[in-house]
Amino acid sequence: CAGVRRAFQISEEIADTEGTWFTLGPLVHNKSVVDYFRQKGIDPVEEIDNLDGDGVIIRSHGISPQLLESIRGKGLLIRDATCPLVERVHEAAALLQSEGYDIIIFGDIHHPEVQGIMGWCNHTAKVITSIDEVQNQKIVKKMGIISQTTRNETEFLAVVEALLPLAQEIRVFNTICSASRKRTPFTCIR
């Protein structure tokens, strides 16, 4: 996808420069790409606490603003390879949070993209992985719904439909990327 190609290109440019660079987590979900950059001297790290280097490449999945500030606080250089579509989810999460919506994220709470999104709404969102979890949601006045970019669109729309009766006002951002839409065939919910 375009986000992966962009992250690859940014990392290629950095590999040709002086200094010691790391990626915060695997750059993308592709072991061959991670190994390729490891051979070029760009290793993935999970923690920034004891990081000894010149800079950090933010992976395509993005990170929370709090983690971004921690990296800046360490004086490290930053190259942000966050997918622009993931950045759009960050903006939607921050907007919904600032406007007082109870936020639902359709995604995997353990996925780095969702962990980053959570930071953009001050960790106030609830994460739903399937339609089965809708029954556990309470009725609210205002609900905002967004998705991890790599989820199945048909499942997302089914979750949205199931959530409709649970709020007086619902704002939905279909944040699934086009590459994910092409990977999974779209079928009607009804």
Protein backbone atom coordinates (compact mmCIF):
# COMPACT_ATOMS: atom_id res chain seq x y z
CA CYS A 1 0.00 0.00 0.00
CA ALA A 2 1.01 3.64 -0.33
CA GLY A 3 1.66 4.04 3.40
CA VAL A 4 4.11 1.14 3.43
CA ARG A 5 5.87 2.42 0.29
CA ARG A 6 6.19 5.86 1.89
CA ALA A 7 7.64 4.42 5.13
CA PHE A 8 10.08 2.34 3.07
CA GLN A 9 11.19 5.37 1.07
CA ILE A 10 11.72 7.51 4.19
CA SER A 11 13.78 4.74 5.77
CA GLU A 12 15.83 4.28 2.58
CA GLU A 13 16.70 7.99 2.64
CA ILE A 14 17.78 7.78 6.28
CA ALA A 15 19.83 4.62 5.69
CA ASP A 16 21.99 6.64 3.31
CA THR A 17 22.81 9.28 5.95
CA GLU A 18 25.26 9.38 8.82
CA GLY A 19 24.16 8.52 12.33
CA THR A 20 22.44 5.77 14.23
CA TRP A 21 18.71 5.46 13.57
CA PHE A 22 16.04 3.17 14.92
CA THR A 23 12.41 2.46 14.12
CA LEU A 24 9.98 2.53 17.01
CA GLY A 25 8.62 -0.97 16.65
CA PRO A 26 8.72 -2.74 13.29
CA LEU A 27 8.47 -0.20 10.47
CA VAL A 28 5.73 -2.28 8.79
CA HIS A 29 4.21 -5.76 9.23
CA ASN A 30 6.74 -7.39 6.94
CA LYS A 31 9.70 -9.33 8.34
CA SER A 32 11.66 -9.04 5.07
CA VAL A 33 11.42 -5.24 5.18
CA VAL A 34 12.42 -5.14 8.85
CA ASP A 35 15.39 -7.45 8.15
CA TYR A 36 16.37 -5.37 5.11
CA PHE A 37 16.63 -2.21 7.21
CA ARG A 38 18.34 -4.07 10.03
CA GLN A 39 21.09 -4.94 7.53
CA LYS A 40 21.30 -1.23 6.67
CA GLY A 41 21.82 -0.37 10.35
CA ILE A 42 18.24 0.64 11.26
CA ASP A 43 17.04 -1.60 14.06
CA PRO A 44 13.54 -1.71 15.51
CA VAL A 45 13.25 -0.95 19.22
CA GLU A 46 10.23 -1.24 21.49
CA GLU A 47 11.29 1.25 24.16
CA ILE A 48 12.93 4.67 23.98
CA ASP A 49 14.10 4.77 27.61
CA ASN A 50 17.68 3.60 27.03
CA LEU A 51 17.90 4.50 23.37
CA ASP A 52 21.41 5.54 22.38
CA GLY A 53 21.35 6.96 18.89
CA ASP A 54 20.69 9.97 16.74
CA GLY A 55 17.11 9.50 15.66
CA VAL A 56 13.90 7.55 15.51
CA ILE A 57 11.72 6.72 12.54
CA ILE A 58 8.05 6.60 13.50
CA ARG A 59 6.56 3.49 11.96
CA SER A 60 3.71 3.55 9.46
CA HIS A 61 1.20 2.68 12.23
CA GLY A 62 1.83 5.98 14.00
CA ILE A 63 2.18 6.66 17.72
CA SER A 64 0.45 8.65 20.41
CA PRO A 65 1.20 12.35 20.88
CA GLN A 66 2.47 11.53 24.38
CA LEU A 67 5.08 9.14 23.01
CA LEU A 68 6.04 11.67 20.34
CA GLU A 69 6.67 14.26 23.08
CA SER A 70 8.79 11.75 25.04
CA ILE A 71 10.98 11.20 21.98
CA ARG A 72 11.35 14.95 21.49
CA GLY A 73 12.20 15.31 25.17
CA LYS A 74 15.16 12.98 24.69
CA GLY A 75 16.54 15.27 22.01
CA LEU A 76 16.34 12.63 19.31
CA LEU A 77 15.78 13.50 15.67
CA ILE A 78 12.43 12.30 14.34
CA ARG A 79 11.38 11.19 10.88
CA ASP A 80 7.68 10.52 10.86
CA ALA A 81 6.72 7.67 8.51
CA THR A 82 3.15 7.49 9.80
CA CYS A 83 0.80 6.61 6.97
CA PRO A 84 -1.19 9.73 5.98
CA LEU A 85 -4.40 7.69 6.28
CA VAL A 86 -3.50 6.75 9.85
CA GLU A 87 -2.86 10.45 10.54
CA ARG A 88 -6.44 11.05 9.33
CA VAL A 89 -7.67 8.62 12.01
CA HIS A 90 -5.61 10.50 14.62
CA GLU A 91 -7.27 13.75 13.57
CA ALA A 92 -10.75 12.19 13.71
CA ALA A 93 -10.08 10.75 17.18
CA ALA A 94 -8.82 14.09 18.50
CA LEU A 95 -11.79 15.93 16.97
CA LEU A 96 -14.35 13.53 18.41
CA GLN A 97 -12.70 13.70 21.83
CA SER A 98 -12.61 17.51 21.78
CA GLU A 99 -16.30 17.62 20.86
CA GLY A 100 -17.35 15.37 23.73
CA TYR A 101 -18.18 12.17 21.86
CA ASP A 102 -17.92 8.75 23.46
CA ILE A 103 -15.54 7.11 21.00
CA ILE A 104 -15.65 3.59 19.65
CA ILE A 105 -12.67 2.27 17.71
CA PHE A 106 -13.29 -0.79 15.57
CA GLY A 107 -9.97 -2.59 15.74
CA ASP A 108 -7.52 -4.71 17.69
CA ILE A 109 -6.50 -3.12 21.02
CA HIS A 110 -3.10 -4.86 20.76
CA HIS A 111 -2.32 -3.48 17.30
CA PRO A 112 0.20 -0.60 17.32
CA GLU A 113 -2.10 1.53 15.15
CA VAL A 114 -4.94 1.28 17.66
CA GLN A 115 -2.58 1.95 20.56
CA GLY A 116 -1.47 5.13 18.80
CA ILE A 117 -5.06 6.18 18.05
CA MET A 118 -5.96 5.75 21.72
CA GLY A 119 -3.40 8.41 22.60
CA TRP A 120 -5.03 10.93 20.25
CA CYS A 121 -8.27 10.73 22.26
CA ASN A 122 -6.61 10.65 25.69
CA HIS A 123 -7.20 6.90 26.04
CA THR A 124 -10.94 7.46 26.51
CA ALA A 125 -12.12 5.32 23.59
CA LYS A 126 -13.54 1.83 23.80
CA VAL A 127 -12.19 -0.70 21.32
CA ILE A 128 -14.51 -3.21 19.67
CA THR A 129 -13.04 -6.12 17.73
CA SER A 130 -16.31 -7.62 16.50
CA ILE A 131 -20.05 -7.10 16.32
CA ASP A 132 -20.43 -9.48 19.27
CA GLU A 133 -19.02 -6.79 21.58
CA VAL A 134 -21.69 -4.22 20.70
CA GLN A 135 -24.08 -5.71 23.24
CA ASN A 136 -21.63 -4.70 26.01
CA GLN A 137 -21.84 -1.00 25.11
CA LYS A 138 -23.97 1.41 27.11
CA ILE A 139 -26.37 4.00 25.71
CA VAL A 140 -24.76 7.43 25.37
CA LYS A 141 -25.81 10.84 24.13
CA LYS A 142 -23.06 11.31 21.50
CA MET A 143 -21.03 8.49 19.94
CA GLY A 144 -18.16 8.77 17.49
CA ILE A 145 -17.05 5.71 15.55
CA ILE A 146 -13.72 5.23 13.76
CA SER A 147 -11.78 2.21 12.56
CA GLN A 148 -8.30 0.85 12.41
CA THR A 149 -7.35 1.40 8.76
CA THR A 150 -6.74 -2.28 8.00
CA ARG A 151 -10.07 -3.70 9.16
CA ASN A 152 -12.75 -5.32 7.02
CA GLU A 153 -15.20 -2.68 5.79
CA THR A 154 -18.23 -4.97 5.76
CA GLU A 155 -17.64 -5.84 9.43
CA PHE A 156 -17.12 -2.15 10.24
CA LEU A 157 -20.44 -1.19 8.65
CA ALA A 158 -22.20 -4.01 10.52
CA VAL A 159 -20.77 -2.72 13.81
CA VAL A 160 -21.88 0.82 12.95
CA GLU A 161 -25.39 -0.39 12.18
CA ALA A 162 -25.54 -2.33 15.45
CA LEU A 163 -24.38 0.75 17.42
CA LEU A 164 -27.01 3.11 15.90
CA PRO A 165 -29.67 2.46 18.58
CA LEU A 166 -27.19 3.19 21.37
CA ALA A 167 -26.84 6.97 20.91
CA GLN A 168 -28.95 10.02 20.22
CA GLU A 169 -26.24 11.32 17.91
CA ILE A 170 -23.66 9.28 16.02
CA ARG A 171 -20.76 10.55 13.97
CA VAL A 172 -18.99 7.97 11.82
CA PHE A 173 -15.66 8.30 10.08
CA ASN A 174 -15.01 5.45 7.67
CA THR A 175 -11.25 5.36 8.14
CA ILE A 176 -10.57 2.04 6.42
CA CYS A 177 -7.93 2.51 3.73
CA SER A 178 -8.56 1.74 0.08
CA ALA A 179 -5.93 -1.03 0.04
CA SER A 180 -7.84 -2.84 2.79
CA ARG A 181 -11.11 -2.34 0.91
CA LYS A 182 -9.59 -3.93 -2.18
CA ARG A 183 -8.26 -6.87 -0.15
CA THR A 184 -11.69 -7.77 1.24
CA PRO A 185 -14.72 -7.94 -1.03
CA PHE A 186 -17.55 -5.61 -0.07
CA THR A 187 -20.99 -7.09 0.46
CA CYS A 188 -24.17 -5.45 1.62
CA ILE A 189 -25.06 -5.76 5.29
CA ARG A 190 -28.73 -6.43 4.67
